[in-house]
Amino acid sequence: MYYKRQQHSYTDDELITAQALANQCGVSCAAITKAKKCDRIDSFENSKGKECFHRTLSVVQFQKTRDRRHVTTATRGQMRAGFDNEMAQAVAHRPEYDNPNSPSSISSDLNAVDFGAAIQETMDLATAKAQKEYNMARLAKLKADEMEGRLVPKNAVAVKVYQLGANVQDKMMTMYSWLAPEIVGWFRDRCAQVGIEQDKILQIFDDSEHAIGEKIRKASLTSLKDIASKTVDNILD
């Protein structure tokens, strides 16, 4: 907001030009102009009718309203302190690094810039960027594989596996019903072929289909339990 002379009580000694404010904030005049147009900082008319800024209030306003989400380059103050663009991005969320080594910083108790912390922030940012690029590349590959038919939805696979498992279980648990009679029939034929009397054959195999069927059913159940207990690591053991 622009305050006319009668709307504020600041003296000319307390007011400074846009260039002076830019120097205090360690930025260009263009950055100050942009901040003013966006109503991020207030301006005040001096006794000569010129638009000025407050020596301390405007610095605080500029730093507190700075959009730190889209920092891409170092400010002039940061470049004078030896920062490059990557380091500026890494410490964008730290107000004390807005204008390093400036006595006008928000953190007035800061005696010197901690370059060790700034370098660590830069390394962390580089690592985060590398991880993001890796994950983005991996995601792009997965999407490409899906579109080319090399990948299928996880839920669809789970349904197919469940249906297959249920089918296998059903066949194994009903196998005794047809396998037991075949086994008993084969042994009856062999007994008859070697000359065993029919009445003795009947005595030997009386109720044998049920007994043999139960043994097959229990063996099938044991096998199913063993398969169900397997993991990815020992499925082939």
C-alpha atoms as a PDB file:
ATOM      1  CA  MET A   1       0.000   0.000   0.000  1.00  0.00           C
ATOM      2  CA  TYR A   2       1.164   3.555  -0.778  1.00  0.00           C
ATOM      3  CA  TYR A   3       0.843   5.955   2.153  1.00  0.00           C
ATOM      4  CA  LYS A   4       0.607   9.676   1.471  1.00  0.00           C
ATOM      5  CA  ARG A   5       2.602  12.100   3.632  1.00  0.00           C
ATOM      6  CA  GLN A   6      -0.365  12.851   5.883  1.00  0.00           C
ATOM      7  CA  GLN A   7      -1.068   9.114   6.352  1.00  0.00           C
ATOM      8  CA  HIS A   8       2.185   8.253   8.142  1.00  0.00           C
ATOM      9  CA  SER A   9       4.490   9.782  10.738  1.00  0.00           C
ATOM     10  CA  TYR A  10       7.886   8.678   9.397  1.00  0.00           C
ATOM     11  CA  THR A  11      10.564  11.331   8.854  1.00  0.00           C
ATOM     12  CA  ASP A  12      12.696  11.587   5.724  1.00  0.00           C
ATOM     13  CA  ASP A  13      15.630  10.138   7.686  1.00  0.00           C
ATOM     14  CA  GLU A  14      13.651   6.934   8.204  1.00  0.00           C
ATOM     15  CA  LEU A  15      12.781   6.582   4.512  1.00  0.00           C
ATOM     16  CA  ILE A  16      15.023   5.273   1.729  1.00  0.00           C
ATOM     17  CA  THR A  17      14.875   4.873  -2.037  1.00  0.00           C
ATOM     18  CA  ALA A  18      14.031   1.675  -3.899  1.00  0.00           C
ATOM     19  CA  GLN A  19      17.712   1.255  -4.809  1.00  0.00           C
ATOM     20  CA  ALA A  20      18.767   1.573  -1.177  1.00  0.00           C
ATOM     21  CA  LEU A  21      16.113  -0.967  -0.149  1.00  0.00           C
ATOM     22  CA  ALA A  22      17.305  -3.326  -2.881  1.00  0.00           C
ATOM     23  CA  ASN A  23      20.865  -3.008  -1.567  1.00  0.00           C
ATOM     24  CA  GLN A  24      19.725  -3.773   1.991  1.00  0.00           C
ATOM     25  CA  CYS A  25      17.748  -6.801   0.846  1.00  0.00           C
ATOM     26  CA  GLY A  26      20.505  -7.979  -1.481  1.00  0.00           C
ATOM     27  CA  VAL A  27      18.253  -8.004  -4.554  1.00  0.00           C
ATOM     28  CA  SER A  28      17.750  -5.978  -7.713  1.00  0.00           C
ATOM     29  CA  CYS A  29      15.517  -2.938  -8.080  1.00  0.00           C
ATOM     30  CA  ALA A  30      13.290  -5.041 -10.320  1.00  0.00           C
ATOM     31  CA  ALA A  31      12.617  -7.379  -7.383  1.00  0.00           C
ATOM     32  CA  ILE A  32      11.587  -4.411  -5.226  1.00  0.00           C
ATOM     33  CA  THR A  33       9.326  -3.066  -7.978  1.00  0.00           C
ATOM     34  CA  LYS A  34       7.684  -6.476  -8.393  1.00  0.00           C
ATOM     35  CA  ALA A  35       7.151  -6.780  -4.641  1.00  0.00           C
ATOM     36  CA  LYS A  36       5.557  -3.328  -4.588  1.00  0.00           C
ATOM     37  CA  LYS A  37       3.197  -4.168  -7.478  1.00  0.00           C
ATOM     38  CA  CYS A  38       2.162  -7.354  -5.697  1.00  0.00           C
ATOM     39  CA  ASP A  39       1.476  -5.388  -2.466  1.00  0.00           C
ATOM     40  CA  ARG A  40       4.089  -7.368  -0.612  1.00  0.00           C
ATOM     41  CA  ILE A  41       5.675  -4.201   0.772  1.00  0.00           C
ATOM     42  CA  ASP A  42       4.354  -0.759   1.673  1.00  0.00           C
ATOM     43  CA  SER A  43       5.724   2.532   0.353  1.00  0.00           C
ATOM     44  CA  PHE A  44       5.591   6.004   1.860  1.00  0.00           C
ATOM     45  CA  GLU A  45       5.634   9.525   0.457  1.00  0.00           C
ATOM     46  CA  ASN A  46       8.438  11.729   1.793  1.00  0.00           C
ATOM     47  CA  SER A  47       8.357  15.497   2.338  1.00  0.00           C
ATOM     48  CA  LYS A  48       9.425  16.058  -1.281  1.00  0.00           C
ATOM     49  CA  GLY A  49       6.513  14.030  -2.669  1.00  0.00           C
ATOM     50  CA  LYS A  50       8.645  11.045  -3.726  1.00  0.00           C
ATOM     51  CA  GLU A  51       7.696   7.425  -3.110  1.00  0.00           C
ATOM     52  CA  CYS A  52      10.099   5.817  -0.651  1.00  0.00           C
ATOM     53  CA  PHE A  53      10.397   2.799   1.619  1.00  0.00           C
ATOM     54  CA  HIS A  54      11.015   2.431   5.334  1.00  0.00           C
ATOM     55  CA  ARG A  55      14.608   1.727   6.330  1.00  0.00           C
ATOM     56  CA  THR A  56      13.768  -1.300   8.534  1.00  0.00           C
ATOM     57  CA  LEU A  57      10.043  -2.051   8.154  1.00  0.00           C
ATOM     58  CA  SER A  58      10.266  -2.508   4.387  1.00  0.00           C
ATOM     59  CA  VAL A  59      13.211  -4.913   4.723  1.00  0.00           C
ATOM     60  CA  VAL A  60      11.235  -7.043   7.168  1.00  0.00           C
ATOM     61  CA  GLN A  61       8.172  -6.948   4.915  1.00  0.00           C
ATOM     62  CA  PHE A  62      10.180  -7.962   1.847  1.00  0.00           C
ATOM     63  CA  GLN A  63      11.832 -10.906   3.561  1.00  0.00           C
ATOM     64  CA  LYS A  64       8.695 -12.152   5.320  1.00  0.00           C
ATOM     65  CA  THR A  65       6.538 -12.037   2.175  1.00  0.00           C
ATOM     66  CA  ARG A  66       9.121 -13.561  -0.148  1.00  0.00           C
ATOM     67  CA  ASP A  67       7.814 -16.537  -2.122  1.00  0.00           C
ATOM     68  CA  ARG A  68      10.344 -19.210  -1.221  1.00  0.00           C
ATOM     69  CA  ARG A  69       8.645 -21.985  -3.199  1.00  0.00           C
ATOM     70  CA  HIS A  70       9.947 -20.916  -6.596  1.00  0.00           C
ATOM     71  CA  VAL A  71      13.535 -19.819  -5.951  1.00  0.00           C
ATOM     72  CA  THR A  72      15.701 -20.639  -8.984  1.00  0.00           C
ATOM     73  CA  THR A  73      18.619 -18.197  -8.824  1.00  0.00           C
ATOM     74  CA  ALA A  74      20.766 -16.587  -6.160  1.00  0.00           C
ATOM     75  CA  THR A  75      20.097 -12.968  -5.202  1.00  0.00           C
ATOM     76  CA  ARG A  76      22.798 -10.345  -5.606  1.00  0.00           C
ATOM     77  CA  GLY A  77      23.520 -10.481  -1.885  1.00  0.00           C
ATOM     78  CA  GLN A  78      23.854 -14.259  -1.996  1.00  0.00           C
ATOM     79  CA  MET A  79      26.149 -14.099  -5.030  1.00  0.00           C
ATOM     80  CA  ARG A  80      28.382 -11.615  -3.235  1.00  0.00           C
ATOM     81  CA  ALA A  81      28.589 -14.092  -0.357  1.00  0.00           C
ATOM     82  CA  GLY A  82      29.636 -16.888  -2.738  1.00  0.00           C
ATOM     83  CA  PHE A  83      26.313 -18.671  -3.204  1.00  0.00           C
ATOM     84  CA  ASP A  84      25.464 -20.351  -6.493  1.00  0.00           C
ATOM     85  CA  ASN A  85      21.942 -21.050  -7.764  1.00  0.00           C
ATOM     86  CA  GLU A  86      21.819 -24.551  -6.310  1.00  0.00           C
ATOM     87  CA  MET A  87      22.836 -23.354  -2.849  1.00  0.00           C
ATOM     88  CA  ALA A  88      20.261 -20.540  -3.041  1.00  0.00           C
ATOM     89  CA  GLN A  89      17.558 -23.111  -3.827  1.00  0.00           C
ATOM     90  CA  ALA A  90      18.719 -25.341  -0.980  1.00  0.00           C
ATOM     91  CA  VAL A  91      18.445 -22.602   1.681  1.00  0.00           C
ATOM     92  CA  ALA A  92      15.411 -20.806   0.229  1.00  0.00           C
ATOM     93  CA  HIS A  93      13.357 -21.840   3.276  1.00  0.00           C
ATOM     94  CA  ARG A  94      15.899 -20.256   5.661  1.00  0.00           C
ATOM     95  CA  PRO A  95      15.311 -16.461   6.032  1.00  0.00           C
ATOM     96  CA  GLU A  96      18.770 -15.908   7.520  1.00  0.00           C
ATOM     97  CA  TYR A  97      20.309 -16.738   4.135  1.00  0.00           C
ATOM     98  CA  ASP A  98      18.238 -14.199   2.151  1.00  0.00           C
ATOM     99  CA  ASN A  99      21.031 -11.620   2.289  1.00  0.00           C
ATOM    100  CA  PRO A 100      24.094 -13.240   3.905  1.00  0.00           C
ATOM    101  CA  ASN A 101      26.417 -11.084   6.029  1.00  0.00           C
ATOM    102  CA  SER A 102      23.935  -8.178   5.957  1.00  0.00           C
ATOM    103  CA  PRO A 103      23.277  -6.352   9.256  1.00  0.00           C
ATOM    104  CA  SER A 104      19.708  -5.806   8.055  1.00  0.00           C
ATOM    105  CA  SER A 105      18.817  -9.490   8.159  1.00  0.00           C
ATOM    106  CA  ILE A 106      15.673 -10.605   9.934  1.00  0.00           C
ATOM    107  CA  SER A 107      17.864 -12.671  12.236  1.00  0.00           C
ATOM    108  CA  SER A 108      19.659  -9.760  13.853  1.00  0.00           C
ATOM    109  CA  ASP A 109      21.493 -12.073  16.220  1.00  0.00           C
ATOM    110  CA  LEU A 110      23.172 -13.858  13.300  1.00  0.00           C
ATOM    111  CA  ASN A 111      26.843 -12.897  13.359  1.00  0.00           C
ATOM    112  CA  ALA A 112      27.993 -14.842  10.322  1.00  0.00           C
ATOM    113  CA  VAL A 113      26.614 -17.122   7.678  1.00  0.00           C
ATOM    114  CA  ASP A 114      26.945 -20.808   8.533  1.00  0.00           C
ATOM    115  CA  PHE A 115      28.305 -22.060   5.216  1.00  0.00           C
ATOM    116  CA  GLY A 116      28.628 -25.576   6.610  1.00  0.00           C
ATOM    117  CA  ALA A 117      24.873 -25.732   7.155  1.00  0.00           C
ATOM    118  CA  ALA A 118      24.252 -24.159   3.751  1.00  0.00           C
ATOM    119  CA  ILE A 119      26.499 -26.729   2.052  1.00  0.00           C
ATOM    120  CA  GLN A 120      24.711 -29.563   3.876  1.00  0.00           C
ATOM    121  CA  GLU A 121      21.355 -28.159   2.740  1.00  0.00           C
ATOM    122  CA  THR A 122      22.733 -28.090  -0.822  1.00  0.00           C
ATOM    123  CA  MET A 123      23.855 -31.725  -0.593  1.00  0.00           C
ATOM    124  CA  ASP A 124      20.476 -32.752   0.794  1.00  0.00           C
ATOM    125  CA  LEU A 125      18.742 -30.909  -2.048  1.00  0.00           C
ATOM    126  CA  ALA A 126      20.963 -32.596  -4.641  1.00  0.00           C
ATOM    127  CA  THR A 127      20.180 -35.988  -3.114  1.00  0.00           C
ATOM    128  CA  ALA A 128      16.453 -35.242  -3.073  1.00  0.00           C
ATOM    129  CA  LYS A 129      16.586 -34.142  -6.728  1.00  0.00           C
ATOM    130  CA  ALA A 130      18.445 -37.307  -7.713  1.00  0.00           C
ATOM    131  CA  GLN A 131      15.913 -39.472  -5.873  1.00  0.00           C
ATOM    132  CA  LYS A 132      13.049 -37.599  -7.509  1.00  0.00           C
ATOM    133  CA  GLU A 133      14.557 -38.046 -10.975  1.00  0.00           C
ATOM    134  CA  TYR A 134      15.113 -41.757 -10.301  1.00  0.00           C
ATOM    135  CA  ASN A 135      11.541 -42.238  -9.107  1.00  0.00           C
ATOM    136  CA  MET A 136      10.149 -40.262 -12.051  1.00  0.00           C
ATOM    137  CA  ALA A 137      12.161 -42.397 -14.481  1.00  0.00           C
ATOM    138  CA  ARG A 138      11.011 -45.563 -12.739  1.00  0.00           C
ATOM    139  CA  LEU A 139       7.385 -44.407 -12.854  1.00  0.00           C
ATOM    140  CA  ALA A 140       7.695 -43.572 -16.554  1.00  0.00           C
ATOM    141  CA  LYS A 141       9.087 -47.045 -17.262  1.00  0.00           C
ATOM    142  CA  LEU A 142       6.263 -48.697 -15.320  1.00  0.00           C
ATOM    143  CA  LYS A 143       3.678 -46.702 -17.256  1.00  0.00           C
ATOM    144  CA  ALA A 144       5.336 -47.656 -20.525  1.00  0.00           C
ATOM    145  CA  ASP A 145       5.400 -51.333 -19.509  1.00  0.00           C
ATOM    146  CA  GLU A 146       1.722 -51.151 -18.571  1.00  0.00           C
ATOM    147  CA  MET A 147       0.761 -49.600 -21.902  1.00  0.00           C
ATOM    148  CA  GLU A 148       2.764 -52.224 -23.797  1.00  0.00           C
ATOM    149  CA  GLY A 149       1.089 -55.043 -21.890  1.00  0.00           C
ATOM    150  CA  ARG A 150       4.089 -56.104 -19.833  1.00  0.00           C
ATOM    151  CA  LEU A 151       2.333 -55.097 -16.622  1.00  0.00           C
ATOM    152  CA  VAL A 152      -1.135 -55.983 -15.376  1.00  0.00           C
ATOM    153  CA  PRO A 153      -3.120 -54.557 -12.440  1.00  0.00           C
ATOM    154  CA  LYS A 154      -2.196 -56.078  -9.079  1.00  0.00           C
ATOM    155  CA  ASN A 155      -5.837 -56.755  -8.176  1.00  0.00           C
ATOM    156  CA  ALA A 156      -6.415 -58.614 -11.423  1.00  0.00           C
ATOM    157  CA  VAL A 157      -3.397 -60.847 -10.724  1.00  0.00           C
ATOM    158  CA  ALA A 158      -4.635 -61.499  -7.176  1.00  0.00           C
ATOM    159  CA  VAL A 159      -8.049 -62.593  -8.481  1.00  0.00           C
ATOM    160  CA  LYS A 160      -6.475 -64.908 -11.059  1.00  0.00           C
ATOM    161  CA  VAL A 161      -4.129 -66.443  -8.487  1.00  0.00           C
ATOM    162  CA  TYR A 162      -7.023 -66.981  -6.067  1.00  0.00           C
ATOM    163  CA  GLN A 163      -9.129 -68.619  -8.779  1.00  0.00           C
ATOM    164  CA  LEU A 164      -6.227 -70.861  -9.785  1.00  0.00           C
ATOM    165  CA  GLY A 165      -5.553 -71.825  -6.170  1.00  0.00           C
ATOM    166  CA  ALA A 166      -9.234 -72.580  -5.549  1.00  0.00           C
ATOM    167  CA  ASN A 167      -9.318 -74.742  -8.682  1.00  0.00           C
ATOM    168  CA  VAL A 168      -6.208 -76.673  -7.602  1.00  0.00           C
ATOM    169  CA  GLN A 169      -7.632 -77.165  -4.109  1.00  0.00           C
ATOM    170  CA  ASP A 170     -10.948 -78.415  -5.465  1.00  0.00           C
ATOM    171  CA  LYS A 171      -9.271 -80.945  -7.751  1.00  0.00           C
ATOM    172  CA  MET A 172      -6.914 -82.243  -5.057  1.00  0.00           C
ATOM    173  CA  MET A 173      -9.636 -82.574  -2.423  1.00  0.00           C
ATOM    174  CA  THR A 174     -11.988 -84.468  -4.780  1.00  0.00           C
ATOM    175  CA  MET A 175      -9.312 -86.690  -6.319  1.00  0.00           C
ATOM    176  CA  TYR A 176      -9.986 -89.483  -3.809  1.00  0.00           C
ATOM    177  CA  SER A 177     -13.548 -89.956  -5.111  1.00  0.00           C
ATOM    178  CA  TRP A 178     -12.403 -91.313  -8.459  1.00  0.00           C
ATOM    179  CA  LEU A 179      -8.855 -92.454  -7.668  1.00  0.00           C
ATOM    180  CA  ALA A 180      -9.765 -94.856  -4.842  1.00  0.00           C
ATOM    181  CA  PRO A 181     -12.206 -96.931  -6.989  1.00  0.00           C
ATOM    182  CA  GLU A 182      -9.614 -97.151  -9.779  1.00  0.00           C
ATOM    183  CA  ILE A 183      -6.952 -98.438  -7.364  1.00  0.00           C
ATOM    184  CA  VAL A 184      -9.296-100.991  -5.800  1.00  0.00           C
ATOM    185  CA  GLY A 185     -10.505-102.138  -9.241  1.00  0.00           C
ATOM    186  CA  TRP A 186      -6.930-102.636 -10.446  1.00  0.00           C
ATOM    187  CA  PHE A 187      -6.047-104.805  -7.430  1.00  0.00           C
ATOM    188  CA  ARG A 188      -9.244-106.838  -7.808  1.00  0.00           C
ATOM    189  CA  ASP A 189      -8.379-107.613 -11.388  1.00  0.00           C
ATOM    190  CA  ARG A 190      -4.849-108.667 -10.429  1.00  0.00           C
ATOM    191  CA  CYS A 191      -6.166-110.933  -7.698  1.00  0.00           C
ATOM    192  CA  ALA A 192      -8.548-112.582 -10.134  1.00  0.00           C
ATOM    193  CA  GLN A 193      -5.756-113.012 -12.674  1.00  0.00           C
ATOM    194  CA  VAL A 194      -3.563-114.916 -10.204  1.00  0.00           C
ATOM    195  CA  GLY A 195      -6.446-117.270  -9.313  1.00  0.00           C
ATOM    196  CA  ILE A 196      -7.693-115.952  -5.975  1.00  0.00           C
ATOM    197  CA  GLU A 197     -11.243-117.058  -5.348  1.00  0.00           C
ATOM    198  CA  GLN A 198     -13.976-114.474  -5.843  1.00  0.00           C
ATOM    199  CA  ASP A 199     -15.369-114.745  -2.295  1.00  0.00           C
ATOM    200  CA  LYS A 200     -11.906-114.102  -0.861  1.00  0.00           C
ATOM    201  CA  ILE A 201     -11.446-111.130  -3.189  1.00  0.00           C
ATOM    202  CA  LEU A 202     -14.701-109.705  -1.880  1.00  0.00           C
ATOM    203  CA  GLN A 203     -13.533-110.219   1.723  1.00  0.00           C
ATOM    204  CA  ILE A 204     -10.165-108.566   1.050  1.00  0.00           C
ATOM    205  CA  PHE A 205     -11.558-105.474  -0.643  1.00  0.00           C
ATOM    206  CA  ASP A 206     -14.723-105.083   1.405  1.00  0.00           C
ATOM    207  CA  ASP A 207     -15.094-101.343   2.228  1.00  0.00           C
ATOM    208  CA  SER A 208     -11.548-100.781   0.846  1.00  0.00           C
ATOM    209  CA  GLU A 209     -12.647 -97.925  -1.448  1.00  0.00           C
ATOM    210  CA  HIS A 210     -13.606 -95.815   1.567  1.00  0.00           C
ATOM    211  CA  ALA A 211     -10.396 -96.594   3.486  1.00  0.00           C
ATOM    212  CA  ILE A 212      -8.138 -95.923   0.508  1.00  0.00           C
ATOM    213  CA  GLY A 213     -10.125 -92.792  -0.374  1.00  0.00           C
ATOM    214  CA  GLU A 214      -9.605 -91.405   3.150  1.00  0.00           C
ATOM    215  CA  LYS A 215      -5.860 -91.974   2.916  1.00  0.00           C
ATOM    216  CA  ILE A 216      -5.751 -90.116  -0.417  1.00  0.00           C
ATOM    217  CA  ARG A 217      -7.892 -87.246   0.972  1.00  0.00           C
ATOM    218  CA  LYS A 218      -5.685 -86.831   4.068  1.00  0.00           C
ATOM    219  CA  ALA A 219      -2.500 -86.933   1.967  1.00  0.00           C
ATOM    220  CA  SER A 220      -3.962 -84.285  -0.348  1.00  0.00           C
ATOM    221  CA  LEU A 221      -4.887 -82.078   2.637  1.00  0.00           C
ATOM    222  CA  THR A 222      -1.363 -82.371   4.051  1.00  0.00           C
ATOM    223  CA  SER A 223       0.125 -81.422   0.681  1.00  0.00           C
ATOM    224  CA  LEU A 224      -2.144 -78.384   0.408  1.00  0.00           C
ATOM    225  CA  LYS A 225      -1.172 -77.186   3.897  1.00  0.00           C
ATOM    226  CA  ASP A 226       2.505 -77.597   3.027  1.00  0.00           C
ATOM    227  CA  ILE A 227       2.083 -75.567  -0.175  1.00  0.00           C
ATOM    228  CA  ALA A 228       0.146 -72.849   1.667  1.00  0.00           C
ATOM    229  CA  SER A 229       2.957 -72.483   4.218  1.00  0.00           C
ATOM    230  CA  LYS A 230       5.595 -71.785   1.542  1.00  0.00           C
ATOM    231  CA  THR A 231       7.061 -68.323   1.016  1.00  0.00           C
ATOM    232  CA  VAL A 232       8.738 -66.649  -1.958  1.00  0.00           C
ATOM    233  CA  ASP A 233      12.117 -67.735  -0.592  1.00  0.00           C
ATOM    234  CA  ASN A 234      11.352 -71.452  -0.180  1.00  0.00           C
ATOM    235  CA  ILE A 235       8.539 -72.110  -2.661  1.00  0.00           C
ATOM    236  CA  LEU A 236      10.814 -74.370  -4.753  1.00  0.00           C
ATOM    237  CA  ASP A 237      12.404 -76.256  -1.826  1.00  0.00           C
END
